[in-house]
C-alpha cells in the first residue's frame, strides 16, 4: 500500500468519493489529491488498483467518539509504523500554482 499524507485544512466544500462501493464525504484537498493520483497512476497502473492508506478514509472524522479513540491510538509509534510499512509515502501539498 501507499500512505497518503496531506493537509486537512478547513473544509468549506466537500465532495463524494466511492469507497468499497459506498459513497463517503471527503474534503476538497483530499479530493484533489485523489484525482491527481488517479491521473498519474493511470499512466503506470492501468487496470490494477492503487491501494492507499488515507487517515480520513480509515478514521471516520465525523464520528467524534471513534475519531477520539483512534487519535489516542495513533501515537507517534503507530504513525511511524503505518508510514514505514508502506511501500510508498505520498505527500500532497496541493496543486501547483
N, C-alpha and C. Protein backbone atom coordinates (compact mmCIF):
# COMPACT_ATOMS: atom_id res chain seq x y z
N UNK A 1 0.83 -1.19 0.00
CA UNK A 1 0.00 0.00 0.00
C UNK A 1 0.87 1.24 0.00
N UNK A 2 0.26 2.36 -0.37
CA UNK A 2 0.93 3.65 -0.29
C UNK A 2 0.19 4.48 0.75
N UNK A 3 0.92 5.16 1.59
CA UNK A 3 0.33 6.03 2.61
C UNK A 3 0.28 7.45 2.05
N UNK A 4 -0.87 8.07 2.16
CA UNK A 4 -1.05 9.43 1.66
C UNK A 4 -1.09 10.40 2.82
N UNK A 5 -0.19 11.36 2.80
CA UNK A 5 -0.15 12.41 3.80
C UNK A 5 -0.55 13.71 3.10
N UNK A 6 -1.48 14.43 3.69
CA UNK A 6 -1.98 15.65 3.06
C UNK A 6 -2.50 16.60 4.13
N UNK A 7 -2.76 17.82 3.75
CA UNK A 7 -3.27 18.83 4.68
C UNK A 7 -4.79 18.71 4.76
N UNK A 8 -5.32 18.59 5.98
CA UNK A 8 -6.78 18.52 6.13
C UNK A 8 -7.39 19.88 5.86
N UNK A 9 -6.95 20.88 6.57
CA UNK A 9 -7.47 22.23 6.38
C UNK A 9 -8.92 22.36 6.82
N UNK A 10 -9.43 23.58 6.69
CA UNK A 10 -10.85 23.83 6.98
C UNK A 10 -11.62 23.54 5.71
N UNK A 11 -12.50 22.59 5.80
CA UNK A 11 -13.23 22.14 4.62
C UNK A 11 -14.55 22.90 4.49
N UNK A 12 -14.57 23.87 3.62
CA UNK A 12 -15.79 24.61 3.36
C UNK A 12 -16.61 23.94 2.27
N UNK A 13 -15.96 23.13 1.46
CA UNK A 13 -16.62 22.45 0.36
C UNK A 13 -16.26 20.97 0.44
N UNK A 14 -17.25 20.11 0.37
CA UNK A 14 -16.99 18.68 0.44
C UNK A 14 -17.34 18.02 -0.89
N UNK A 15 -16.82 16.83 -1.07
CA UNK A 15 -17.02 16.06 -2.28
C UNK A 15 -17.38 14.63 -1.89
N UNK A 16 -17.89 13.88 -2.86
CA UNK A 16 -18.22 12.48 -2.64
C UNK A 16 -17.17 11.61 -3.34
N UNK A 17 -16.77 10.55 -2.67
CA UNK A 17 -15.85 9.58 -3.24
C UNK A 17 -16.48 8.20 -3.06
N UNK A 18 -16.13 7.29 -3.94
CA UNK A 18 -16.62 5.92 -3.86
C UNK A 18 -15.56 5.06 -3.18
N UNK A 19 -15.92 4.46 -2.06
CA UNK A 19 -15.01 3.64 -1.27
C UNK A 19 -15.69 2.32 -0.97
N UNK A 20 -15.15 1.23 -1.52
CA UNK A 20 -15.73 -0.10 -1.30
C UNK A 20 -17.23 -0.10 -1.61
N UNK A 21 -17.59 0.47 -2.74
CA UNK A 21 -18.97 0.53 -3.24
C UNK A 21 -19.88 1.41 -2.40
N UNK A 22 -19.31 2.24 -1.54
CA UNK A 22 -20.12 3.16 -0.73
C UNK A 22 -19.62 4.58 -0.97
N UNK A 23 -20.54 5.53 -0.95
CA UNK A 23 -20.16 6.93 -1.08
C UNK A 23 -19.75 7.47 0.28
N UNK A 24 -18.63 8.18 0.31
CA UNK A 24 -18.14 8.82 1.53
C UNK A 24 -17.87 10.29 1.21
N UNK A 25 -17.97 11.11 2.23
CA UNK A 25 -17.72 12.54 2.07
C UNK A 25 -16.26 12.81 2.38
N UNK A 26 -15.62 13.54 1.49
CA UNK A 26 -14.22 13.92 1.68
C UNK A 26 -14.08 15.41 1.44
N UNK A 27 -12.99 15.97 1.93
CA UNK A 27 -12.73 17.39 1.74
C UNK A 27 -12.12 17.69 0.39
N UNK A 28 -12.08 18.96 0.07
CA UNK A 28 -11.59 19.41 -1.24
C UNK A 28 -10.13 19.02 -1.48
N UNK A 29 -9.28 19.18 -0.48
CA UNK A 29 -7.87 18.89 -0.68
C UNK A 29 -7.64 17.39 -0.92
N UNK A 30 -8.34 16.55 -0.18
CA UNK A 30 -8.22 15.10 -0.41
C UNK A 30 -8.79 14.75 -1.79
N UNK A 31 -9.88 15.37 -2.17
CA UNK A 31 -10.46 15.14 -3.49
C UNK A 31 -9.44 15.46 -4.59
N UNK A 32 -8.79 16.61 -4.47
CA UNK A 32 -7.79 17.00 -5.47
C UNK A 32 -6.61 16.02 -5.47
N UNK A 33 -6.18 15.60 -4.28
CA UNK A 33 -5.06 14.65 -4.20
C UNK A 33 -5.42 13.32 -4.86
N UNK A 34 -6.61 12.81 -4.57
CA UNK A 34 -7.01 11.52 -5.14
C UNK A 34 -7.18 11.61 -6.66
N UNK A 35 -7.73 12.72 -7.13
CA UNK A 35 -7.88 12.90 -8.58
C UNK A 35 -6.51 12.95 -9.27
N UNK A 36 -5.58 13.66 -8.64
CA UNK A 36 -4.23 13.75 -9.19
C UNK A 36 -3.57 12.37 -9.22
N UNK A 37 -3.70 11.64 -8.12
CA UNK A 37 -3.11 10.30 -8.05
C UNK A 37 -3.73 9.36 -9.09
N UNK A 38 -5.04 9.47 -9.26
CA UNK A 38 -5.70 8.63 -10.26
C UNK A 38 -5.17 8.95 -11.66
N UNK A 39 -4.95 10.22 -11.90
CA UNK A 39 -4.44 10.64 -13.20
C UNK A 39 -3.04 10.10 -13.46
N UNK A 40 -2.14 10.25 -12.48
CA UNK A 40 -0.77 9.77 -12.70
C UNK A 40 -0.68 8.26 -12.56
N UNK A 41 -1.51 7.66 -11.71
CA UNK A 41 -1.48 6.20 -11.56
C UNK A 41 -2.00 5.53 -12.81
N UNK A 42 -2.92 6.18 -13.50
CA UNK A 42 -3.46 5.61 -14.73
C UNK A 42 -2.37 5.37 -15.74
N UNK A 43 -1.35 6.19 -15.71
CA UNK A 43 -0.24 6.03 -16.63
C UNK A 43 0.60 4.80 -16.28
N UNK A 44 0.73 4.49 -14.99
CA UNK A 44 1.58 3.39 -14.54
C UNK A 44 0.80 2.12 -14.26
N UNK A 45 -0.36 2.26 -13.67
CA UNK A 45 -1.05 1.11 -13.10
C UNK A 45 -2.05 0.49 -14.05
N UNK A 46 -2.58 1.24 -14.96
CA UNK A 46 -3.62 0.84 -15.92
C UNK A 46 -4.82 0.24 -15.18
N UNK A 47 -5.05 -1.06 -15.27
CA UNK A 47 -6.26 -1.65 -14.71
C UNK A 47 -6.10 -2.14 -13.26
N UNK A 48 -4.91 -2.11 -12.71
CA UNK A 48 -4.71 -2.56 -11.34
C UNK A 48 -5.24 -1.51 -10.37
N UNK A 49 -5.48 -1.93 -9.16
CA UNK A 49 -5.94 -1.00 -8.13
C UNK A 49 -4.75 -0.39 -7.41
N UNK A 50 -4.91 0.85 -7.02
CA UNK A 50 -3.91 1.51 -6.21
C UNK A 50 -4.42 1.46 -4.77
N UNK A 51 -3.72 0.74 -3.92
CA UNK A 51 -4.12 0.57 -2.53
C UNK A 51 -3.51 1.69 -1.70
N UNK A 52 -4.37 2.50 -1.09
CA UNK A 52 -3.92 3.66 -0.31
C UNK A 52 -4.36 3.55 1.14
N UNK A 53 -3.52 4.05 2.04
CA UNK A 53 -3.93 4.30 3.42
C UNK A 53 -4.11 5.80 3.53
N UNK A 54 -5.33 6.22 3.84
CA UNK A 54 -5.65 7.64 3.97
C UNK A 54 -6.37 7.82 5.29
N UNK A 55 -5.81 8.64 6.17
CA UNK A 55 -6.39 8.77 7.51
C UNK A 55 -7.87 9.13 7.48
N UNK A 56 -8.27 10.05 6.62
CA UNK A 56 -9.66 10.49 6.58
C UNK A 56 -10.60 9.37 6.14
N UNK A 57 -10.08 8.39 5.41
CA UNK A 57 -10.91 7.27 4.97
C UNK A 57 -10.82 6.10 5.93
N UNK A 58 -9.74 6.02 6.68
CA UNK A 58 -9.57 4.94 7.65
C UNK A 58 -10.14 5.31 9.01
N UNK A 59 -10.31 6.58 9.26
CA UNK A 59 -10.88 7.08 10.53
C UNK A 59 -12.07 7.96 10.19
N UNK A 60 -13.23 7.62 10.70
CA UNK A 60 -14.41 8.44 10.45
C UNK A 60 -14.33 9.70 11.31
N UNK A 61 -13.90 10.79 10.69
CA UNK A 61 -13.69 12.03 11.44
C UNK A 61 -14.98 12.63 11.96
N UNK A 62 -16.11 12.35 11.30
CA UNK A 62 -17.39 12.90 11.75
C UNK A 62 -17.94 12.17 12.96
N UNK A 63 -17.46 10.96 13.22
CA UNK A 63 -17.85 10.20 14.40
C UNK A 63 -16.86 10.57 15.51
N UNK A 64 -17.26 11.52 16.35
CA UNK A 64 -16.34 12.10 17.33
C UNK A 64 -15.79 11.03 18.27
N UNK A 65 -16.62 10.11 18.71
CA UNK A 65 -16.16 9.07 19.63
C UNK A 65 -15.09 8.20 18.97
N UNK A 66 -15.36 7.76 17.73
CA UNK A 66 -14.37 6.93 17.04
C UNK A 66 -13.10 7.73 16.76
N UNK A 67 -13.27 8.95 16.30
CA UNK A 67 -12.10 9.78 15.98
C UNK A 67 -11.23 9.97 17.21
N UNK A 68 -11.84 10.30 18.34
CA UNK A 68 -11.06 10.49 19.56
C UNK A 68 -10.35 9.21 19.99
N UNK A 69 -11.03 8.08 19.85
CA UNK A 69 -10.42 6.80 20.21
C UNK A 69 -9.24 6.50 19.28
N UNK A 70 -9.44 6.70 17.98
CA UNK A 70 -8.37 6.41 17.03
C UNK A 70 -7.19 7.36 17.21
N UNK A 71 -7.46 8.62 17.48
CA UNK A 71 -6.37 9.58 17.69
C UNK A 71 -5.54 9.18 18.91
N UNK A 72 -6.19 8.69 19.96
CA UNK A 72 -5.44 8.22 21.13
C UNK A 72 -4.56 7.03 20.78
N UNK A 73 -5.05 6.17 19.88
CA UNK A 73 -4.26 5.00 19.47
C UNK A 73 -3.13 5.38 18.51
N UNK A 74 -3.27 6.52 17.86
CA UNK A 74 -2.32 6.93 16.84
C UNK A 74 -1.18 7.73 17.45
N UNK A 75 -0.44 7.10 18.31
CA UNK A 75 0.73 7.78 18.84
C UNK A 75 1.82 7.79 17.77
N UNK A 76 2.93 8.38 18.07
CA UNK A 76 3.99 8.52 17.08
C UNK A 76 4.49 7.16 16.59
N UNK A 77 4.49 6.15 17.46
CA UNK A 77 4.94 4.82 17.05
C UNK A 77 3.98 4.19 16.04
N UNK A 78 2.67 4.38 16.26
CA UNK A 78 1.68 3.83 15.33
C UNK A 78 1.80 4.51 13.97
N UNK A 79 1.92 5.82 13.96
CA UNK A 79 2.08 6.53 12.70
C UNK A 79 3.37 6.15 12.00
N UNK A 80 4.42 6.03 12.77
CA UNK A 80 5.70 5.63 12.19
C UNK A 80 5.58 4.25 11.56
N UNK A 81 4.85 3.34 12.21
CA UNK A 81 4.65 2.00 11.68
C UNK A 81 3.85 2.04 10.38
N UNK A 82 2.80 2.84 10.34
CA UNK A 82 1.98 2.94 9.13
C UNK A 82 2.83 3.43 7.97
N UNK A 83 3.58 4.51 8.20
CA UNK A 83 4.35 5.11 7.11
C UNK A 83 5.60 4.28 6.77
N UNK A 84 6.24 3.68 7.76
CA UNK A 84 7.44 2.89 7.45
C UNK A 84 7.08 1.55 6.81
N UNK A 85 5.87 1.04 7.05
CA UNK A 85 5.45 -0.22 6.45
C UNK A 85 4.92 -0.03 5.03
N UNK A 86 4.61 1.20 4.68
CA UNK A 86 4.07 1.47 3.35
C UNK A 86 5.14 1.25 2.28
N UNK A 87 4.71 0.77 1.13
CA UNK A 87 5.63 0.63 0.01
C UNK A 87 6.06 1.98 -0.53
N UNK A 88 5.15 2.95 -0.46
CA UNK A 88 5.42 4.33 -0.87
C UNK A 88 4.72 5.26 0.10
N UNK A 89 5.28 6.44 0.28
CA UNK A 89 4.64 7.50 1.04
C UNK A 89 4.48 8.67 0.09
N UNK A 90 3.25 9.13 -0.05
CA UNK A 90 2.94 10.23 -0.95
C UNK A 90 2.55 11.43 -0.10
N UNK A 91 3.19 12.55 -0.37
CA UNK A 91 2.88 13.78 0.35
C UNK A 91 2.21 14.73 -0.63
N UNK A 92 1.01 15.16 -0.30
CA UNK A 92 0.25 16.08 -1.15
C UNK A 92 0.20 17.43 -0.46
N UNK A 93 0.85 18.42 -1.08
CA UNK A 93 0.87 19.78 -0.54
C UNK A 93 -0.14 20.66 -1.23
N UNK A 94 -0.74 20.18 -2.28
CA UNK A 94 -1.74 20.94 -3.02
C UNK A 94 -1.35 21.05 -4.48
N UNK A 95 -2.26 21.58 -5.27
CA UNK A 95 -1.98 21.71 -6.70
C UNK A 95 -0.89 22.75 -6.95
N UNK A 96 -0.24 22.60 -8.10
CA UNK A 96 0.77 23.59 -8.47
C UNK A 96 0.10 24.94 -8.68
N UNK A 97 0.83 25.98 -8.37
CA UNK A 97 0.28 27.33 -8.56
C UNK A 97 0.92 28.00 -9.71
